[in-house]
C-alpha atoms as a PDB file:
ATOM      1  CA  UNK A   1     -63.532 -87.033 -80.922  1.00  0.00           C
ATOM      2  CA  UNK A   2     -60.133 -88.460 -81.838  1.00  0.00           C
ATOM      3  CA  UNK A   3     -57.084 -86.269 -81.655  1.00  0.00           C
ATOM      4  CA  UNK A   4     -55.283 -87.174 -84.879  1.00  0.00           C
ATOM      5  CA  UNK A   5     -52.221 -85.121 -83.948  1.00  0.00           C
ATOM      6  CA  UNK A   6     -51.622 -86.986 -80.672  1.00  0.00           C
ATOM      7  CA  UNK A   7     -52.031 -90.356 -82.426  1.00  0.00           C
ATOM      8  CA  UNK A   8     -49.778 -89.456 -85.323  1.00  0.00           C
ATOM      9  CA  UNK A   9     -46.804 -91.808 -85.582  1.00  0.00           C
ATOM     10  CA  UNK A  10     -43.403 -90.194 -85.224  1.00  0.00           C
ATOM     11  CA  UNK A  11     -41.405 -90.313 -88.467  1.00  0.00           C
ATOM     12  CA  UNK A  12     -38.847 -93.101 -88.677  1.00  0.00           C
ATOM     13  CA  UNK A  13     -35.687 -93.603 -90.722  1.00  0.00           C
ATOM     14  CA  UNK A  14     -37.592 -95.635 -93.325  1.00  0.00           C
ATOM     15  CA  UNK A  15     -40.059 -92.753 -93.792  1.00  0.00           C
ATOM     16  CA  UNK A  16     -37.207 -90.453 -94.790  1.00  0.00           C
ATOM     17  CA  UNK A  17     -35.881 -93.098 -97.169  1.00  0.00           C
ATOM     18  CA  UNK A  18     -39.323 -93.708 -98.725  1.00  0.00           C
ATOM     19  CA  UNK A  19     -40.016 -89.993 -99.166  1.00  0.00           C
ATOM     20  CA  UNK A  20     -36.748 -89.518-101.042  1.00  0.00           C
ATOM     21  CA  UNK A  21     -36.767 -92.832-102.880  1.00  0.00           C
ATOM     22  CA  UNK A  22     -33.420 -93.922-101.436  1.00  0.00           C
ATOM     23  CA  UNK A  23     -32.259 -96.704 -99.113  1.00  0.00           C
ATOM     24  CA  UNK A  24     -32.241 -96.562 -95.304  1.00  0.00           C
ATOM     25  CA  UNK A  25     -28.470 -97.088 -95.331  1.00  0.00           C
ATOM     26  CA  UNK A  26     -28.040 -93.999 -97.502  1.00  0.00           C
ATOM     27  CA  UNK A  27     -30.115 -91.940 -95.055  1.00  0.00           C
ATOM     28  CA  UNK A  28     -28.079 -93.359 -92.156  1.00  0.00           C
ATOM     29  CA  UNK A  29     -24.783 -92.438 -93.847  1.00  0.00           C
ATOM     30  CA  UNK A  30     -26.047 -88.913 -94.486  1.00  0.00           C
ATOM     31  CA  UNK A  31     -26.963 -88.455 -90.810  1.00  0.00           C
ATOM     32  CA  UNK A  32     -23.781 -89.975 -89.371  1.00  0.00           C
ATOM     33  CA  UNK A  33     -21.461 -88.374 -91.919  1.00  0.00           C
ATOM     34  CA  UNK A  34     -19.725 -91.712 -92.362  1.00  0.00           C
ATOM     35  CA  UNK A  35     -19.216 -93.381 -95.717  1.00  0.00           C
ATOM     36  CA  UNK A  36     -19.297 -91.981 -99.228  1.00  0.00           C
ATOM     37  CA  UNK A  37     -22.395 -90.012-100.182  1.00  0.00           C
ATOM     38  CA  UNK A  38     -23.031 -87.202-102.651  1.00  0.00           C
ATOM     39  CA  UNK A  39     -23.351 -83.716-101.204  1.00  0.00           C
ATOM     40  CA  UNK A  40     -26.608 -83.194-103.096  1.00  0.00           C
ATOM     41  CA  UNK A  41     -28.104 -86.328-101.546  1.00  0.00           C
ATOM     42  CA  UNK A  42     -26.982 -85.323 -98.054  1.00  0.00           C
ATOM     43  CA  UNK A  43     -28.618 -81.896 -98.477  1.00  0.00           C
ATOM     44  CA  UNK A  44     -31.880 -83.530 -99.582  1.00  0.00           C
ATOM     45  CA  UNK A  45     -31.822 -85.856 -96.555  1.00  0.00           C
ATOM     46  CA  UNK A  46     -31.366 -82.999 -94.077  1.00  0.00           C
ATOM     47  CA  UNK A  47     -34.047 -80.927 -95.799  1.00  0.00           C
ATOM     48  CA  UNK A  48     -36.463 -83.838 -95.507  1.00  0.00           C
ATOM     49  CA  UNK A  49     -35.486 -84.400 -91.849  1.00  0.00           C
ATOM     50  CA  UNK A  50     -36.301 -80.794 -91.083  1.00  0.00           C
ATOM     51  CA  UNK A  51     -39.609 -80.912 -92.973  1.00  0.00           C
ATOM     52  CA  UNK A  52     -40.771 -84.137 -91.284  1.00  0.00           C
ATOM     53  CA  UNK A  53     -39.370 -83.150 -87.845  1.00  0.00           C
ATOM     54  CA  UNK A  54     -37.479 -86.436 -87.598  1.00  0.00           C
ATOM     55  CA  UNK A  55     -35.559 -87.180 -84.390  1.00  0.00           C
ATOM     56  CA  UNK A  56     -33.038 -90.060 -84.458  1.00  0.00           C
ATOM     57  CA  UNK A  57     -33.645 -92.961 -82.083  1.00  0.00           C
ATOM     58  CA  UNK A  58     -30.827 -92.356 -79.590  1.00  0.00           C
ATOM     59  CA  UNK A  59     -30.817 -95.949 -78.324  1.00  0.00           C
ATOM     60  CA  UNK A  60     -30.395 -97.373 -81.815  1.00  0.00           C
ATOM     61  CA  UNK A  61     -27.888 -94.670 -82.643  1.00  0.00           C
ATOM     62  CA  UNK A  62     -25.836 -95.387 -79.535  1.00  0.00           C
ATOM     63  CA  UNK A  63     -25.773 -99.128 -80.328  1.00  0.00           C
ATOM     64  CA  UNK A  64     -24.692 -98.572 -83.912  1.00  0.00           C
ATOM     65  CA  UNK A  65     -21.987 -96.098 -82.913  1.00  0.00           C
ATOM     66  CA  UNK A  66     -21.076 -97.863 -79.659  1.00  0.00           C
ATOM     67  CA  UNK A  67     -21.866 -94.714 -77.726  1.00  0.00           C
ATOM     68  CA  UNK A  68     -24.005 -94.251 -74.624  1.00  0.00           C
ATOM     69  CA  UNK A  69     -24.690 -90.548 -75.140  1.00  0.00           C
ATOM     70  CA  UNK A  70     -24.052 -90.152 -71.417  1.00  0.00           C
ATOM     71  CA  UNK A  71     -21.472 -87.851 -69.885  1.00  0.00           C
ATOM     72  CA  UNK A  72     -20.234 -88.641 -66.402  1.00  0.00           C
ATOM     73  CA  UNK A  73     -19.818 -85.792 -63.929  1.00  0.00           C
ATOM     74  CA  UNK A  74     -17.507 -86.559 -61.004  1.00  0.00           C
ATOM     75  CA  UNK A  75     -18.684 -84.770 -57.856  1.00  0.00           C
ATOM     76  CA  UNK A  76     -17.016 -84.961 -54.414  1.00  0.00           C
ATOM     77  CA  UNK A  77     -19.048 -86.805 -51.783  1.00  0.00           C
ATOM     78  CA  UNK A  78     -17.334 -84.828 -49.022  1.00  0.00           C
ATOM     79  CA  UNK A  79     -18.803 -81.500 -50.100  1.00  0.00           C
ATOM     80  CA  UNK A  80     -20.782 -79.826 -47.344  1.00  0.00           C
ATOM     81  CA  UNK A  81     -24.106 -78.060 -47.710  1.00  0.00           C
ATOM     82  CA  UNK A  82     -22.396 -74.675 -47.857  1.00  0.00           C
ATOM     83  CA  UNK A  83     -20.557 -75.742 -51.012  1.00  0.00           C
ATOM     84  CA  UNK A  84     -23.788 -76.815 -52.697  1.00  0.00           C
ATOM     85  CA  UNK A  85     -24.501 -73.565 -54.615  1.00  0.00           C
ATOM     86  CA  UNK A  86     -21.313 -73.832 -56.689  1.00  0.00           C
ATOM     87  CA  UNK A  87     -21.790 -77.490 -57.602  1.00  0.00           C
ATOM     88  CA  UNK A  88     -25.521 -77.068 -58.244  1.00  0.00           C
ATOM     89  CA  UNK A  89     -24.952 -74.079 -60.522  1.00  0.00           C
ATOM     90  CA  UNK A  90     -22.065 -75.781 -62.315  1.00  0.00           C
ATOM     91  CA  UNK A  91     -24.154 -78.941 -62.804  1.00  0.00           C
ATOM     92  CA  UNK A  92     -27.013 -76.889 -64.234  1.00  0.00           C
ATOM     93  CA  UNK A  93     -24.625 -75.480 -66.830  1.00  0.00           C
ATOM     94  CA  UNK A  94     -23.350 -78.967 -67.668  1.00  0.00           C
ATOM     95  CA  UNK A  95     -26.840 -80.462 -67.965  1.00  0.00           C
ATOM     96  CA  UNK A  96     -28.136 -77.690 -70.226  1.00  0.00           C
ATOM     97  CA  UNK A  97     -25.163 -77.933 -72.573  1.00  0.00           C
ATOM     98  CA  UNK A  98     -25.432 -81.740 -72.670  1.00  0.00           C
ATOM     99  CA  UNK A  99     -29.107 -81.496 -73.597  1.00  0.00           C
ATOM    100  CA  UNK A 100     -28.316 -79.225 -76.539  1.00  0.00           C
ATOM    101  CA  UNK A 101     -26.144 -82.011 -77.988  1.00  0.00           C
ATOM    102  CA  UNK A 102     -28.527 -84.889 -77.107  1.00  0.00           C
ATOM    103  CA  UNK A 103     -26.379 -86.092 -74.210  1.00  0.00           C
ATOM    104  CA  UNK A 104     -27.403 -86.824 -70.628  1.00  0.00           C
ATOM    105  CA  UNK A 105     -25.360 -85.985 -67.517  1.00  0.00           C
ATOM    106  CA  UNK A 106     -24.718 -88.847 -65.072  1.00  0.00           C
ATOM    107  CA  UNK A 107     -23.466 -88.056 -61.554  1.00  0.00           C
ATOM    108  CA  UNK A 108     -20.529 -90.083 -60.227  1.00  0.00           C
ATOM    109  CA  UNK A 109     -19.733 -89.656 -56.538  1.00  0.00           C
ATOM    110  CA  UNK A 110     -16.139 -89.952 -55.317  1.00  0.00           C
ATOM    111  CA  UNK A 111     -14.353 -89.714 -51.991  1.00  0.00           C
ATOM    112  CA  UNK A 112     -10.717 -88.926 -51.252  1.00  0.00           C
ATOM    113  CA  UNK A 113      -9.623 -92.560 -51.003  1.00  0.00           C
ATOM    114  CA  UNK A 114     -12.548 -94.231 -52.750  1.00  0.00           C
ATOM    115  CA  UNK A 115     -12.928 -94.115 -56.525  1.00  0.00           C
ATOM    116  CA  UNK A 116     -14.876 -97.390 -56.751  1.00  0.00           C
ATOM    117  CA  UNK A 117     -17.998 -95.847 -58.286  1.00  0.00           C
ATOM    118  CA  UNK A 118     -15.937 -94.145 -60.967  1.00  0.00           C
ATOM    119  CA  UNK A 119     -14.034 -97.385 -61.615  1.00  0.00           C
ATOM    120  CA  UNK A 120     -17.322 -99.273 -62.019  1.00  0.00           C
ATOM    121  CA  UNK A 121     -18.700 -96.704 -64.465  1.00  0.00           C
ATOM    122  CA  UNK A 122     -15.498 -96.891 -66.534  1.00  0.00           C
ATOM    123  CA  UNK A 123     -15.368-100.701 -66.569  1.00  0.00           C
ATOM    124  CA  UNK A 124     -19.002-100.961 -67.671  1.00  0.00           C
ATOM    125  CA  UNK A 125     -18.566 -98.166 -70.215  1.00  0.00           C
ATOM    126  CA  UNK A 126     -21.672 -96.407 -68.982  1.00  0.00           C
ATOM    127  CA  UNK A 127     -20.449 -93.016 -70.198  1.00  0.00           C
ATOM    128  CA  UNK A 128     -18.622 -91.703 -73.252  1.00  0.00           C
ATOM    129  CA  UNK A 129     -16.571 -89.155 -71.333  1.00  0.00           C
ATOM    130  CA  UNK A 130     -16.154 -87.591 -67.906  1.00  0.00           C
ATOM    131  CA  UNK A 131     -16.087 -84.092 -66.400  1.00  0.00           C
ATOM    132  CA  UNK A 132     -14.110 -83.816 -63.140  1.00  0.00           C
ATOM    133  CA  UNK A 133     -15.590 -80.962 -61.084  1.00  0.00           C
ATOM    134  CA  UNK A 134     -13.076 -80.811 -58.220  1.00  0.00           C
ATOM    135  CA  UNK A 135      -9.643 -82.260 -58.961  1.00  0.00           C
ATOM    136  CA  UNK A 136      -7.468 -83.274 -56.024  1.00  0.00           C
ATOM    137  CA  UNK A 137      -3.842 -82.305 -55.668  1.00  0.00           C
ATOM    138  CA  UNK A 138      -2.602 -85.868 -56.342  1.00  0.00           C
ATOM    139  CA  UNK A 139      -4.327 -86.149 -59.731  1.00  0.00           C
ATOM    140  CA  UNK A 140      -5.615 -89.648 -58.891  1.00  0.00           C
ATOM    141  CA  UNK A 141      -8.952 -89.214 -60.680  1.00  0.00           C
ATOM    142  CA  UNK A 142      -7.316 -87.946 -63.872  1.00  0.00           C
ATOM    143  CA  UNK A 143      -4.729 -90.755 -63.730  1.00  0.00           C
ATOM    144  CA  UNK A 144      -7.491 -93.361 -63.509  1.00  0.00           C
ATOM    145  CA  UNK A 145      -9.382 -91.844 -66.442  1.00  0.00           C
ATOM    146  CA  UNK A 146      -6.268 -91.479 -68.589  1.00  0.00           C
ATOM    147  CA  UNK A 147      -5.079 -95.030 -67.939  1.00  0.00           C
ATOM    148  CA  UNK A 148      -8.563 -96.284 -68.861  1.00  0.00           C
ATOM    149  CA  UNK A 149      -8.587 -94.363 -72.163  1.00  0.00           C
ATOM    150  CA  UNK A 150     -11.679 -92.482 -71.010  1.00  0.00           C
ATOM    151  CA  UNK A 151     -11.946 -88.965 -72.541  1.00  0.00           C
ATOM    152  CA  UNK A 152     -12.180 -86.329 -69.818  1.00  0.00           C
ATOM    153  CA  UNK A 153     -11.927 -82.646 -69.001  1.00  0.00           C
ATOM    154  CA  UNK A 154     -11.183 -81.031 -65.660  1.00  0.00           C
ATOM    155  CA  UNK A 155     -12.956 -78.080 -64.066  1.00  0.00           C
ATOM    156  CA  UNK A 156     -10.044 -76.424 -62.285  1.00  0.00           C
ATOM    157  CA  UNK A 157      -6.297 -76.904 -62.249  1.00  0.00           C
ATOM    158  CA  UNK A 158      -4.844 -80.373 -62.643  1.00  0.00           C
ATOM    159  CA  UNK A 159      -1.400 -81.812 -61.937  1.00  0.00           C
ATOM    160  CA  UNK A 160      -1.984 -84.439 -64.615  1.00  0.00           C
ATOM    161  CA  UNK A 161      -0.148 -83.529 -67.824  1.00  0.00           C
ATOM    162  CA  UNK A 162      -2.788 -84.928 -70.209  1.00  0.00           C
ATOM    163  CA  UNK A 163      -5.686 -83.021 -68.693  1.00  0.00           C
ATOM    164  CA  UNK A 164      -7.825 -80.605 -70.670  1.00  0.00           C
ATOM    165  CA  UNK A 165      -8.425 -77.686 -68.320  1.00  0.00           C
ATOM    166  CA  UNK A 166     -11.612 -75.622 -68.016  1.00  0.00           C
ATOM    167  CA  UNK A 167     -11.109 -73.095 -65.253  1.00  0.00           C
ATOM    168  CA  UNK A 168     -11.897 -69.645 -63.982  1.00  0.00           C
ATOM    169  CA  UNK A 169      -8.902 -67.339 -63.680  1.00  0.00           C
ATOM    170  CA  UNK A 170      -8.540 -67.643 -59.903  1.00  0.00           C
ATOM    171  CA  UNK A 171      -4.884 -66.629 -59.873  1.00  0.00           C
ATOM    172  CA  UNK A 172      -5.385 -63.260 -61.558  1.00  0.00           C
ATOM    173  CA  UNK A 173      -8.702 -62.719 -59.823  1.00  0.00           C
ATOM    174  CA  UNK A 174      -7.211 -63.193 -56.355  1.00  0.00           C
ATOM    175  CA  UNK A 175      -4.224 -61.100 -57.359  1.00  0.00           C
ATOM    176  CA  UNK A 176      -6.544 -58.286 -58.453  1.00  0.00           C
ATOM    177  CA  UNK A 177      -8.519 -58.330 -55.184  1.00  0.00           C
ATOM    178  CA  UNK A 178      -5.382 -58.505 -53.044  1.00  0.00           C
ATOM    179  CA  UNK A 179      -3.710 -55.728 -55.053  1.00  0.00           C
ATOM    180  CA  UNK A 180      -6.763 -53.494 -54.624  1.00  0.00           C
ATOM    181  CA  UNK A 181      -6.480 -53.843 -50.848  1.00  0.00           C
ATOM    182  CA  UNK A 182      -2.690 -53.414 -50.792  1.00  0.00           C
ATOM    183  CA  UNK A 183      -2.890 -50.241 -52.876  1.00  0.00           C
ATOM    184  CA  UNK A 184      -5.580 -48.672 -50.715  1.00  0.00           C
ATOM    185  CA  UNK A 185      -4.791 -45.438 -48.901  1.00  0.00           C
ATOM    186  CA  UNK A 186      -3.557 -46.355 -46.356  1.00  0.00           C
ATOM    187  CA  UNK A 187      -2.675 -49.889 -47.519  1.00  0.00           C
ATOM    188  CA  UNK A 188      -4.343 -52.734 -45.693  1.00  0.00           C
ATOM    189  CA  UNK A 189      -2.513 -55.001 -43.275  1.00  0.00           C
ATOM    190  CA  UNK A 190      -3.839 -58.252 -44.718  1.00  0.00           C
ATOM    191  CA  UNK A 191      -4.719 -61.502 -43.026  1.00  0.00           C
ATOM    192  CA  UNK A 192      -5.618 -64.617 -45.016  1.00  0.00           C
ATOM    193  CA  UNK A 193      -7.663 -67.717 -44.186  1.00  0.00           C
ATOM    194  CA  UNK A 194      -7.620 -70.501 -46.798  1.00  0.00           C
ATOM    195  CA  UNK A 195      -9.259 -73.925 -46.675  1.00  0.00           C
ATOM    196  CA  UNK A 196      -8.038 -77.386 -47.655  1.00  0.00           C
ATOM    197  CA  UNK A 197      -4.829 -77.042 -49.670  1.00  0.00           C
ATOM    198  CA  UNK A 198      -5.376 -80.435 -51.305  1.00  0.00           C
ATOM    199  CA  UNK A 199      -7.970 -78.673 -53.443  1.00  0.00           C
ATOM    200  CA  UNK A 200      -6.251 -77.160 -56.446  1.00  0.00           C
ATOM    201  CA  UNK A 201      -8.502 -74.091 -56.402  1.00  0.00           C
ATOM    202  CA  UNK A 202      -7.046 -73.091 -53.027  1.00  0.00           C
ATOM    203  CA  UNK A 203      -3.534 -73.410 -54.438  1.00  0.00           C
ATOM    204  CA  UNK A 204      -4.547 -71.021 -57.217  1.00  0.00           C
ATOM    205  CA  UNK A 205      -6.020 -68.589 -54.697  1.00  0.00           C
ATOM    206  CA  UNK A 206      -2.843 -68.682 -52.625  1.00  0.00           C
ATOM    207  CA  UNK A 207      -0.688 -68.111 -55.714  1.00  0.00           C
ATOM    208  CA  UNK A 208      -2.770 -65.082 -56.686  1.00  0.00           C
ATOM    209  CA  UNK A 209      -2.597 -63.651 -53.174  1.00  0.00           C
ATOM    210  CA  UNK A 210       1.185 -64.025 -52.986  1.00  0.00           C
ATOM    211  CA  UNK A 211       1.822 -62.604 -56.462  1.00  0.00           C
ATOM    212  CA  UNK A 212       0.041 -59.358 -55.541  1.00  0.00           C
ATOM    213  CA  UNK A 213       2.819 -58.514 -53.082  1.00  0.00           C
ATOM    214  CA  UNK A 214       5.469 -58.461 -55.809  1.00  0.00           C
ATOM    215  CA  UNK A 215       4.043 -55.209 -57.125  1.00  0.00           C
ATOM    216  CA  UNK A 216       3.390 -53.619 -53.755  1.00  0.00           C
ATOM    217  CA  UNK A 217       5.651 -51.995 -51.194  1.00  0.00           C
ATOM    218  CA  UNK A 218       4.102 -53.945 -48.339  1.00  0.00           C
ATOM    219  CA  UNK A 219       5.853 -57.135 -47.213  1.00  0.00           C
ATOM    220  CA  UNK A 220       4.151 -60.449 -46.472  1.00  0.00           C
ATOM    221  CA  UNK A 221       3.628 -61.087 -42.766  1.00  0.00           C
ATOM    222  CA  UNK A 222       3.629 -64.874 -42.354  1.00  0.00           C
ATOM    223  CA  UNK A 223       1.960 -64.526 -38.952  1.00  0.00           C
ATOM    224  CA  UNK A 224      -1.190 -63.373 -40.733  1.00  0.00           C
ATOM    225  CA  UNK A 225      -1.426 -66.281 -43.186  1.00  0.00           C
ATOM    226  CA  UNK A 226      -3.431 -69.407 -42.327  1.00  0.00           C
ATOM    227  CA  UNK A 227      -3.847 -72.218 -44.863  1.00  0.00           C
ATOM    228  CA  UNK A 228      -5.342 -75.690 -44.562  1.00  0.00           C
ATOM    229  CA  UNK A 229      -8.129 -74.358 -42.353  1.00  0.00           C
ATOM    230  CA  UNK A 230     -10.570 -77.208 -42.975  1.00  0.00           C
ATOM    231  CA  UNK A 231     -12.248 -77.718 -39.603  1.00  0.00           C
ATOM    232  CA  UNK A 232     -14.097 -75.594 -37.051  1.00  0.00           C
ATOM    233  CA  UNK A 233     -11.278 -76.056 -34.540  1.00  0.00           C
ATOM    234  CA  UNK A 234      -8.608 -74.879 -36.997  1.00  0.00           C
ATOM    235  CA  UNK A 235     -10.813 -71.954 -37.955  1.00  0.00           C
ATOM    236  CA  UNK A 236     -11.318 -70.817 -34.353  1.00  0.00           C
ATOM    237  CA  UNK A 237      -7.585 -71.018 -33.644  1.00  0.00           C
ATOM    238  CA  UNK A 238      -6.724 -69.126 -36.844  1.00  0.00           C
ATOM    239  CA  UNK A 239      -9.108 -66.268 -36.104  1.00  0.00           C
ATOM    240  CA  UNK A 240      -7.942 -66.024 -32.487  1.00  0.00           C
ATOM    241  CA  UNK A 241      -4.305 -65.717 -33.589  1.00  0.00           C
ATOM    242  CA  UNK A 242      -5.198 -63.290 -36.360  1.00  0.00           C
ATOM    243  CA  UNK A 243      -7.056 -60.930 -34.067  1.00  0.00           C
ATOM    244  CA  UNK A 244      -4.046 -60.795 -31.740  1.00  0.00           C
ATOM    245  CA  UNK A 245      -1.935 -59.508 -34.653  1.00  0.00           C
ATOM    246  CA  UNK A 246      -4.577 -56.865 -35.440  1.00  0.00           C
ATOM    247  CA  UNK A 247      -4.800 -56.953 -39.251  1.00  0.00           C
ATOM    248  CA  UNK A 248      -6.879 -54.183 -40.798  1.00  0.00           C
ATOM    249  CA  UNK A 249      -8.481 -56.613 -43.268  1.00  0.00           C
ATOM    250  CA  UNK A 250      -9.010 -60.371 -43.454  1.00  0.00           C
ATOM    251  CA  UNK A 251      -9.393 -62.106 -46.825  1.00  0.00           C
ATOM    252  CA  UNK A 252     -11.356 -65.352 -46.737  1.00  0.00           C
ATOM    253  CA  UNK A 253     -10.549 -68.102 -49.213  1.00  0.00           C
ATOM    254  CA  UNK A 254     -14.217 -68.717 -50.016  1.00  0.00           C
ATOM    255  CA  UNK A 255     -17.796 -67.887 -49.084  1.00  0.00           C
ATOM    256  CA  UNK A 256     -18.048 -70.644 -46.441  1.00  0.00           C
ATOM    257  CA  UNK A 257     -15.079 -69.308 -44.481  1.00  0.00           C
ATOM    258  CA  UNK A 258     -16.356 -65.776 -44.938  1.00  0.00           C
ATOM    259  CA  UNK A 259     -19.757 -66.608 -43.450  1.00  0.00           C
ATOM    260  CA  UNK A 260     -18.081 -68.196 -40.422  1.00  0.00           C
ATOM    261  CA  UNK A 261     -15.825 -65.177 -39.957  1.00  0.00           C
ATOM    262  CA  UNK A 262     -18.680 -62.688 -40.180  1.00  0.00           C
ATOM    263  CA  UNK A 263     -20.654 -64.647 -37.565  1.00  0.00           C
ATOM    264  CA  UNK A 264     -17.679 -64.808 -35.202  1.00  0.00           C
ATOM    265  CA  UNK A 265     -16.840 -61.110 -35.561  1.00  0.00           C
ATOM    266  CA  UNK A 266     -20.478 -60.277 -34.885  1.00  0.00           C
ATOM    267  CA  UNK A 267     -20.373 -62.372 -31.686  1.00  0.00           C
ATOM    268  CA  UNK A 268     -17.302 -60.448 -30.561  1.00  0.00           C
ATOM    269  CA  UNK A 269     -18.945 -57.115 -31.332  1.00  0.00           C
ATOM    270  CA  UNK A 270     -16.366 -56.213 -33.987  1.00  0.00           C
ATOM    271  CA  UNK A 271     -17.984 -53.846 -36.476  1.00  0.00           C
ATOM    272  CA  UNK A 272     -17.435 -54.142 -40.232  1.00  0.00           C
ATOM    273  CA  UNK A 273     -15.836 -52.208 -41.860  1.00  0.00           C
ATOM    274  CA  UNK A 274     -15.040 -49.623 -39.153  1.00  0.00           C
ATOM    275  CA  UNK A 275     -13.135 -52.050 -36.891  1.00  0.00           C
ATOM    276  CA  UNK A 276     -12.309 -54.829 -39.354  1.00  0.00           C
ATOM    277  CA  UNK A 277     -12.548 -55.064 -43.119  1.00  0.00           C
ATOM    278  CA  UNK A 278     -13.469 -58.388 -44.729  1.00  0.00           C
ATOM    279  CA  UNK A 279     -13.224 -59.720 -48.277  1.00  0.00           C
ATOM    280  CA  UNK A 280     -13.788 -63.084 -49.972  1.00  0.00           C
ATOM    281  CA  UNK A 281     -12.043 -64.803 -52.873  1.00  0.00           C
ATOM    282  CA  UNK A 282     -15.401 -66.315 -53.873  1.00  0.00           C
ATOM    283  CA  UNK A 283     -18.863 -64.766 -54.073  1.00  0.00           C
ATOM    284  CA  UNK A 284     -22.092 -66.773 -53.713  1.00  0.00           C
ATOM    285  CA  UNK A 285     -25.735 -66.466 -52.758  1.00  0.00           C
ATOM    286  CA  UNK A 286     -24.713 -66.888 -49.129  1.00  0.00           C
ATOM    287  CA  UNK A 287     -23.050 -63.470 -49.183  1.00  0.00           C
ATOM    288  CA  UNK A 288     -25.992 -61.697 -50.840  1.00  0.00           C
ATOM    289  CA  UNK A 289     -27.796 -60.969 -47.581  1.00  0.00           C
ATOM    290  CA  UNK A 290     -24.731 -59.761 -45.653  1.00  0.00           C
ATOM    291  CA  UNK A 291     -24.744 -56.253 -44.271  1.00  0.00           C
ATOM    292  CA  UNK A 292     -22.605 -54.530 -45.288  1.00  0.00           C
ATOM    293  CA  UNK A 293     -22.236 -56.358 -48.639  1.00  0.00           C
ATOM    294  CA  UNK A 294     -18.926 -58.248 -48.924  1.00  0.00           C
ATOM    295  CA  UNK A 295     -16.173 -57.307 -51.357  1.00  0.00           C
ATOM    296  CA  UNK A 296     -15.575 -60.490 -53.344  1.00  0.00           C
ATOM    297  CA  UNK A 297     -14.765 -62.174 -56.658  1.00  0.00           C
ATOM    298  CA  UNK A 298     -17.558 -63.378 -58.900  1.00  0.00           C
ATOM    299  CA  UNK A 299     -16.973 -66.412 -61.112  1.00  0.00           C
ATOM    300  CA  UNK A 300     -19.754 -67.680 -63.390  1.00  0.00           C
ATOM    301  CA  UNK A 301     -20.197 -71.307 -62.264  1.00  0.00           C
ATOM    302  CA  UNK A 302     -22.937 -72.018 -64.814  1.00  0.00           C
ATOM    303  CA  UNK A 303     -20.732 -70.829 -67.657  1.00  0.00           C
ATOM    304  CA  UNK A 304     -17.902 -72.955 -66.280  1.00  0.00           C
ATOM    305  CA  UNK A 305     -20.120 -76.038 -66.398  1.00  0.00           C
ATOM    306  CA  UNK A 306     -21.394 -75.224 -69.875  1.00  0.00           C
ATOM    307  CA  UNK A 307     -17.867 -74.696 -71.207  1.00  0.00           C
ATOM    308  CA  UNK A 308     -16.659 -78.000 -69.729  1.00  0.00           C
ATOM    309  CA  UNK A 309     -19.500 -79.977 -71.352  1.00  0.00           C
ATOM    310  CA  UNK A 310     -19.010 -78.193 -74.664  1.00  0.00           C
ATOM    311  CA  UNK A 311     -15.272 -78.945 -74.678  1.00  0.00           C
ATOM    312  CA  UNK A 312     -15.783 -82.598 -73.790  1.00  0.00           C
ATOM    313  CA  UNK A 313     -18.307 -83.038 -76.595  1.00  0.00           C
ATOM    314  CA  UNK A 314     -15.802 -81.413 -78.967  1.00  0.00           C
ATOM    315  CA  UNK A 315     -13.301 -84.021 -77.787  1.00  0.00           C
ATOM    316  CA  UNK A 316     -15.778 -86.863 -78.353  1.00  0.00           C
ATOM    317  CA  UNK A 317     -16.572 -85.670 -81.884  1.00  0.00           C
ATOM    318  CA  UNK A 318     -12.938 -84.988 -82.832  1.00  0.00           C
ATOM    319  CA  UNK A 319     -13.571 -81.246 -83.089  1.00  0.00           C
ATOM    320  CA  UNK A 320     -10.416 -79.186 -82.700  1.00  0.00           C
ATOM    321  CA  UNK A 321     -10.369 -76.836 -79.705  1.00  0.00           C
ATOM    322  CA  UNK A 322      -7.999 -75.411 -77.109  1.00  0.00           C
ATOM    323  CA  UNK A 323      -6.679 -77.687 -74.369  1.00  0.00           C
ATOM    324  CA  UNK A 324      -7.009 -74.888 -71.823  1.00  0.00           C
ATOM    325  CA  UNK A 325     -10.077 -72.680 -71.484  1.00  0.00           C
ATOM    326  CA  UNK A 326      -9.798 -69.823 -68.983  1.00  0.00           C
ATOM    327  CA  UNK A 327     -12.914 -67.869 -68.009  1.00  0.00           C
ATOM    328  CA  UNK A 328     -12.800 -64.403 -66.510  1.00  0.00           C
ATOM    329  CA  UNK A 329     -13.866 -62.913 -63.202  1.00  0.00           C
ATOM    330  CA  UNK A 330     -15.532 -59.803 -61.822  1.00  0.00           C
ATOM    331  CA  UNK A 331     -14.107 -57.865 -58.887  1.00  0.00           C
ATOM    332  CA  UNK A 332     -17.011 -56.630 -56.752  1.00  0.00           C
ATOM    333  CA  UNK A 333     -15.986 -53.741 -54.484  1.00  0.00           C
ATOM    334  CA  UNK A 334     -18.571 -53.471 -51.705  1.00  0.00           C
ATOM    335  CA  UNK A 335     -19.187 -51.985 -48.304  1.00  0.00           C
ATOM    336  CA  UNK A 336     -17.158 -54.499 -46.256  1.00  0.00           C
ATOM    337  CA  UNK A 337     -13.861 -52.886 -47.366  1.00  0.00           C
ATOM    338  CA  UNK A 338     -14.915 -49.228 -47.799  1.00  0.00           C
END
């Protein structure tokens, strides 16, 4: 028995034109919104499209409009496996939002001193626009995109003046967490361990941490602050020096550093929170199984990805929108600081 439904030909542009008794070019103008066409005719075309369940041929559409319907997503090749949850979740948000608008996400790997893959994608015009997921402090990626007239948005802070920013509010989030600890009774003597300061997110975290002290009576003790901790050796030295100064609480710049600290304190037999309190400026699945649960900041990485794709598509379609989108945060007070 033949399945007529499975063999049914998908409706084409000419089918819409024939059903309405108009030309293919008129149907095309109605769909693209380009050229003069009566509002009544356009309404009839879209009603017919809906009735016949017509889907435009994206290859033909891209050729006629000189678009690829691809969005490039720049991801750092130097990310380690512990950073994977953020990028994976952010990419999921980007991919889902792209799909809603009939775009596909294309990954573009970059290294600190090697942007050759991105340069090749730009030169061959394989994408219509680019999302930068981890901007560097020198703005080299944004500079390359801007000089190539490639539309782009940045997830995070950017030093490049023409960048459209999609970011979580790390400054106020880190300020809120630090302030909570400073205003505790008694106030915490805070230590800080931050990672690579070439990453703009760590600069935001540091700014938030420092700004919390302006509204507190406690002074900053520089001996307790360690930035640029981007290797196991630097981490071990930082923790050793910190423990000599006996802070009551150590704030970790992210979940990766926090996991390392918790493991080291456990090896030394230092109990949390009775002997040392611990907090993190970034929450992730890696902290879910910790006991006690870690006080941290939650940022919605999927929403961040979705917002970046949505804003880039607005840019590609000349839709007016803000040049800076700032998403909120949630302060999670848990057992590690109680």
